[in-house]
């Protein structure tokens, strides 16, 4: 049994300076609860892990129409923080500050 349920988001709802706000389908959250899995949500700028029961309790919902107007899909809004990309110069600087090079 898998520990995580992976969700790849290609296009976030909107982006802010600190990260992306994405929408996750209610069906995915229900499946993760059923199989006792955590959700790992991956967007272009970062990734984060969530407990599905926490999402259902704390995150706001939106309904969005994709195909059938009489049956809108329910999405939970999640914030994915932006991951900082560390360059080679920054890695070397951290190593030299910690005293690795003597």
C-alpha atoms as a PDB file:
ATOM      1  CA  UNK A   1       0.000   0.000   0.000  1.00  0.00           C
ATOM      2  CA  UNK A   2       1.297   3.430  -0.889  1.00  0.00           C
ATOM      3  CA  UNK A   3       1.928   5.912   1.879  1.00  0.00           C
ATOM      4  CA  UNK A   4       1.218   8.978  -0.287  1.00  0.00           C
ATOM      5  CA  UNK A   5      -1.311   9.833  -2.956  1.00  0.00           C
ATOM      6  CA  UNK A   6       0.449  12.067  -5.512  1.00  0.00           C
ATOM      7  CA  UNK A   7      -1.421  14.943  -7.107  1.00  0.00           C
ATOM      8  CA  UNK A   8       0.349  16.902  -9.855  1.00  0.00           C
ATOM      9  CA  UNK A   9      -1.026  20.387 -10.480  1.00  0.00           C
ATOM     10  CA  UNK A  10      -0.035  21.891 -13.816  1.00  0.00           C
ATOM     11  CA  UNK A  11      -1.934  25.148 -13.501  1.00  0.00           C
ATOM     12  CA  UNK A  12      -2.602  26.716 -10.070  1.00  0.00           C
ATOM     13  CA  UNK A  13      -5.705  28.772  -9.343  1.00  0.00           C
ATOM     14  CA  UNK A  14      -3.446  31.760  -8.729  1.00  0.00           C
ATOM     15  CA  UNK A  15       0.114  32.497  -7.640  1.00  0.00           C
ATOM     16  CA  UNK A  16       1.399  34.861  -4.984  1.00  0.00           C
ATOM     17  CA  UNK A  17       4.933  35.834  -4.010  1.00  0.00           C
ATOM     18  CA  UNK A  18       5.258  33.107  -1.364  1.00  0.00           C
ATOM     19  CA  UNK A  19       3.740  30.232  -3.352  1.00  0.00           C
ATOM     20  CA  UNK A  20       0.767  28.877  -5.297  1.00  0.00           C
ATOM     21  CA  UNK A  21      -2.867  28.378  -4.401  1.00  0.00           C
ATOM     22  CA  UNK A  22      -4.173  25.192  -5.987  1.00  0.00           C
ATOM     23  CA  UNK A  23      -7.469  23.349  -6.107  1.00  0.00           C
ATOM     24  CA  UNK A  24      -7.707  19.652  -5.214  1.00  0.00           C
ATOM     25  CA  UNK A  25     -10.778  17.632  -6.175  1.00  0.00           C
ATOM     26  CA  UNK A  26     -12.970  16.401  -3.354  1.00  0.00           C
ATOM     27  CA  UNK A  27     -12.889  12.906  -4.859  1.00  0.00           C
ATOM     28  CA  UNK A  28      -9.106  12.681  -4.407  1.00  0.00           C
ATOM     29  CA  UNK A  29      -9.432  13.659  -0.756  1.00  0.00           C
ATOM     30  CA  UNK A  30     -12.163  11.082  -0.155  1.00  0.00           C
ATOM     31  CA  UNK A  31     -10.037   8.365  -1.771  1.00  0.00           C
ATOM     32  CA  UNK A  32      -7.039   9.299   0.389  1.00  0.00           C
ATOM     33  CA  UNK A  33      -9.196   9.049   3.522  1.00  0.00           C
ATOM     34  CA  UNK A  34     -10.591   5.704   2.392  1.00  0.00           C
ATOM     35  CA  UNK A  35      -7.159   4.176   1.795  1.00  0.00           C
ATOM     36  CA  UNK A  36      -5.516   5.987   4.761  1.00  0.00           C
ATOM     37  CA  UNK A  37      -2.997   7.881   2.664  1.00  0.00           C
ATOM     38  CA  UNK A  38      -1.498  11.334   2.928  1.00  0.00           C
ATOM     39  CA  UNK A  39      -1.701  13.738  -0.004  1.00  0.00           C
ATOM     40  CA  UNK A  40       1.457  15.026  -1.646  1.00  0.00           C
ATOM     41  CA  UNK A  41       0.494  17.986  -3.826  1.00  0.00           C
ATOM     42  CA  UNK A  42       3.107  19.010  -6.396  1.00  0.00           C
ATOM     43  CA  UNK A  43       2.933  22.280  -8.332  1.00  0.00           C
ATOM     44  CA  UNK A  44       5.422  24.017 -10.613  1.00  0.00           C
ATOM     45  CA  UNK A  45       7.081  25.935  -7.796  1.00  0.00           C
ATOM     46  CA  UNK A  46       6.977  23.506  -4.884  1.00  0.00           C
ATOM     47  CA  UNK A  47       5.371  20.593  -3.118  1.00  0.00           C
ATOM     48  CA  UNK A  48       3.710  19.958   0.234  1.00  0.00           C
ATOM     49  CA  UNK A  49       2.213  17.075   2.209  1.00  0.00           C
ATOM     50  CA  UNK A  50      -1.241  17.207   3.785  1.00  0.00           C
ATOM     51  CA  UNK A  51      -3.495  15.027   5.902  1.00  0.00           C
ATOM     52  CA  UNK A  52      -6.805  14.655   4.022  1.00  0.00           C
ATOM     53  CA  UNK A  53      -8.948  14.965   7.166  1.00  0.00           C
ATOM     54  CA  UNK A  54      -7.180  18.234   7.991  1.00  0.00           C
ATOM     55  CA  UNK A  55      -8.001  19.520   4.502  1.00  0.00           C
ATOM     56  CA  UNK A  56     -11.686  18.699   4.898  1.00  0.00           C
ATOM     57  CA  UNK A  57     -11.850  20.492   8.270  1.00  0.00           C
ATOM     58  CA  UNK A  58      -9.754  23.593   7.597  1.00  0.00           C
ATOM     59  CA  UNK A  59      -9.602  24.440   3.894  1.00  0.00           C
ATOM     60  CA  UNK A  60     -12.219  26.498   2.029  1.00  0.00           C
ATOM     61  CA  UNK A  61     -14.125  24.963  -0.862  1.00  0.00           C
ATOM     62  CA  UNK A  62     -15.014  26.325  -4.265  1.00  0.00           C
ATOM     63  CA  UNK A  63     -17.288  24.853  -6.899  1.00  0.00           C
ATOM     64  CA  UNK A  64     -16.141  25.006 -10.491  1.00  0.00           C
ATOM     65  CA  UNK A  65     -17.989  23.997 -13.661  1.00  0.00           C
ATOM     66  CA  UNK A  66     -15.903  22.046 -16.159  1.00  0.00           C
ATOM     67  CA  UNK A  67     -18.163  19.939 -18.355  1.00  0.00           C
ATOM     68  CA  UNK A  68     -21.730  19.816 -17.042  1.00  0.00           C
ATOM     69  CA  UNK A  69     -23.233  23.023 -15.625  1.00  0.00           C
ATOM     70  CA  UNK A  70     -25.738  21.107 -13.480  1.00  0.00           C
ATOM     71  CA  UNK A  71     -22.922  19.189 -11.717  1.00  0.00           C
ATOM     72  CA  UNK A  72     -20.127  21.546 -10.588  1.00  0.00           C
ATOM     73  CA  UNK A  73     -16.998  19.948  -9.141  1.00  0.00           C
ATOM     74  CA  UNK A  74     -15.984  20.790  -5.582  1.00  0.00           C
ATOM     75  CA  UNK A  75     -12.357  21.803  -5.074  1.00  0.00           C
ATOM     76  CA  UNK A  76     -10.498  22.434  -1.834  1.00  0.00           C
ATOM     77  CA  UNK A  77      -8.101  25.396  -1.919  1.00  0.00           C
ATOM     78  CA  UNK A  78      -4.579  24.602  -0.696  1.00  0.00           C
ATOM     79  CA  UNK A  79      -1.515  26.806  -0.377  1.00  0.00           C
ATOM     80  CA  UNK A  80       1.750  25.317  -1.656  1.00  0.00           C
ATOM     81  CA  UNK A  81       4.790  27.307  -0.453  1.00  0.00           C
ATOM     82  CA  UNK A  82       7.447  28.197  -3.009  1.00  0.00           C
ATOM     83  CA  UNK A  83      10.660  26.208  -2.611  1.00  0.00           C
ATOM     84  CA  UNK A  84      13.868  28.157  -2.757  1.00  0.00           C
ATOM     85  CA  UNK A  85      16.360  26.923  -5.326  1.00  0.00           C
ATOM     86  CA  UNK A  86      19.828  26.705  -3.787  1.00  0.00           C
ATOM     87  CA  UNK A  87      22.678  27.382  -6.210  1.00  0.00           C
ATOM     88  CA  UNK A  88      26.121  25.770  -6.083  1.00  0.00           C
ATOM     89  CA  UNK A  89      27.660  29.015  -4.791  1.00  0.00           C
ATOM     90  CA  UNK A  90      25.232  29.100  -1.866  1.00  0.00           C
ATOM     91  CA  UNK A  91      25.990  25.437  -1.060  1.00  0.00           C
ATOM     92  CA  UNK A  92      29.743  26.107  -1.042  1.00  0.00           C
ATOM     93  CA  UNK A  93      29.266  29.203   1.096  1.00  0.00           C
ATOM     94  CA  UNK A  94      27.274  27.214   3.691  1.00  0.00           C
ATOM     95  CA  UNK A  95      29.934  24.501   3.745  1.00  0.00           C
ATOM     96  CA  UNK A  96      32.754  27.012   4.209  1.00  0.00           C
ATOM     97  CA  UNK A  97      30.848  28.763   7.036  1.00  0.00           C
ATOM     98  CA  UNK A  98      30.343  25.455   8.842  1.00  0.00           C
ATOM     99  CA  UNK A  99      34.106  24.790   8.766  1.00  0.00           C
ATOM    100  CA  UNK A 100      34.194  21.839   6.358  1.00  0.00           C
ATOM    101  CA  UNK A 101      37.134  23.250   4.388  1.00  0.00           C
ATOM    102  CA  UNK A 102      39.270  23.877   7.462  1.00  0.00           C
END
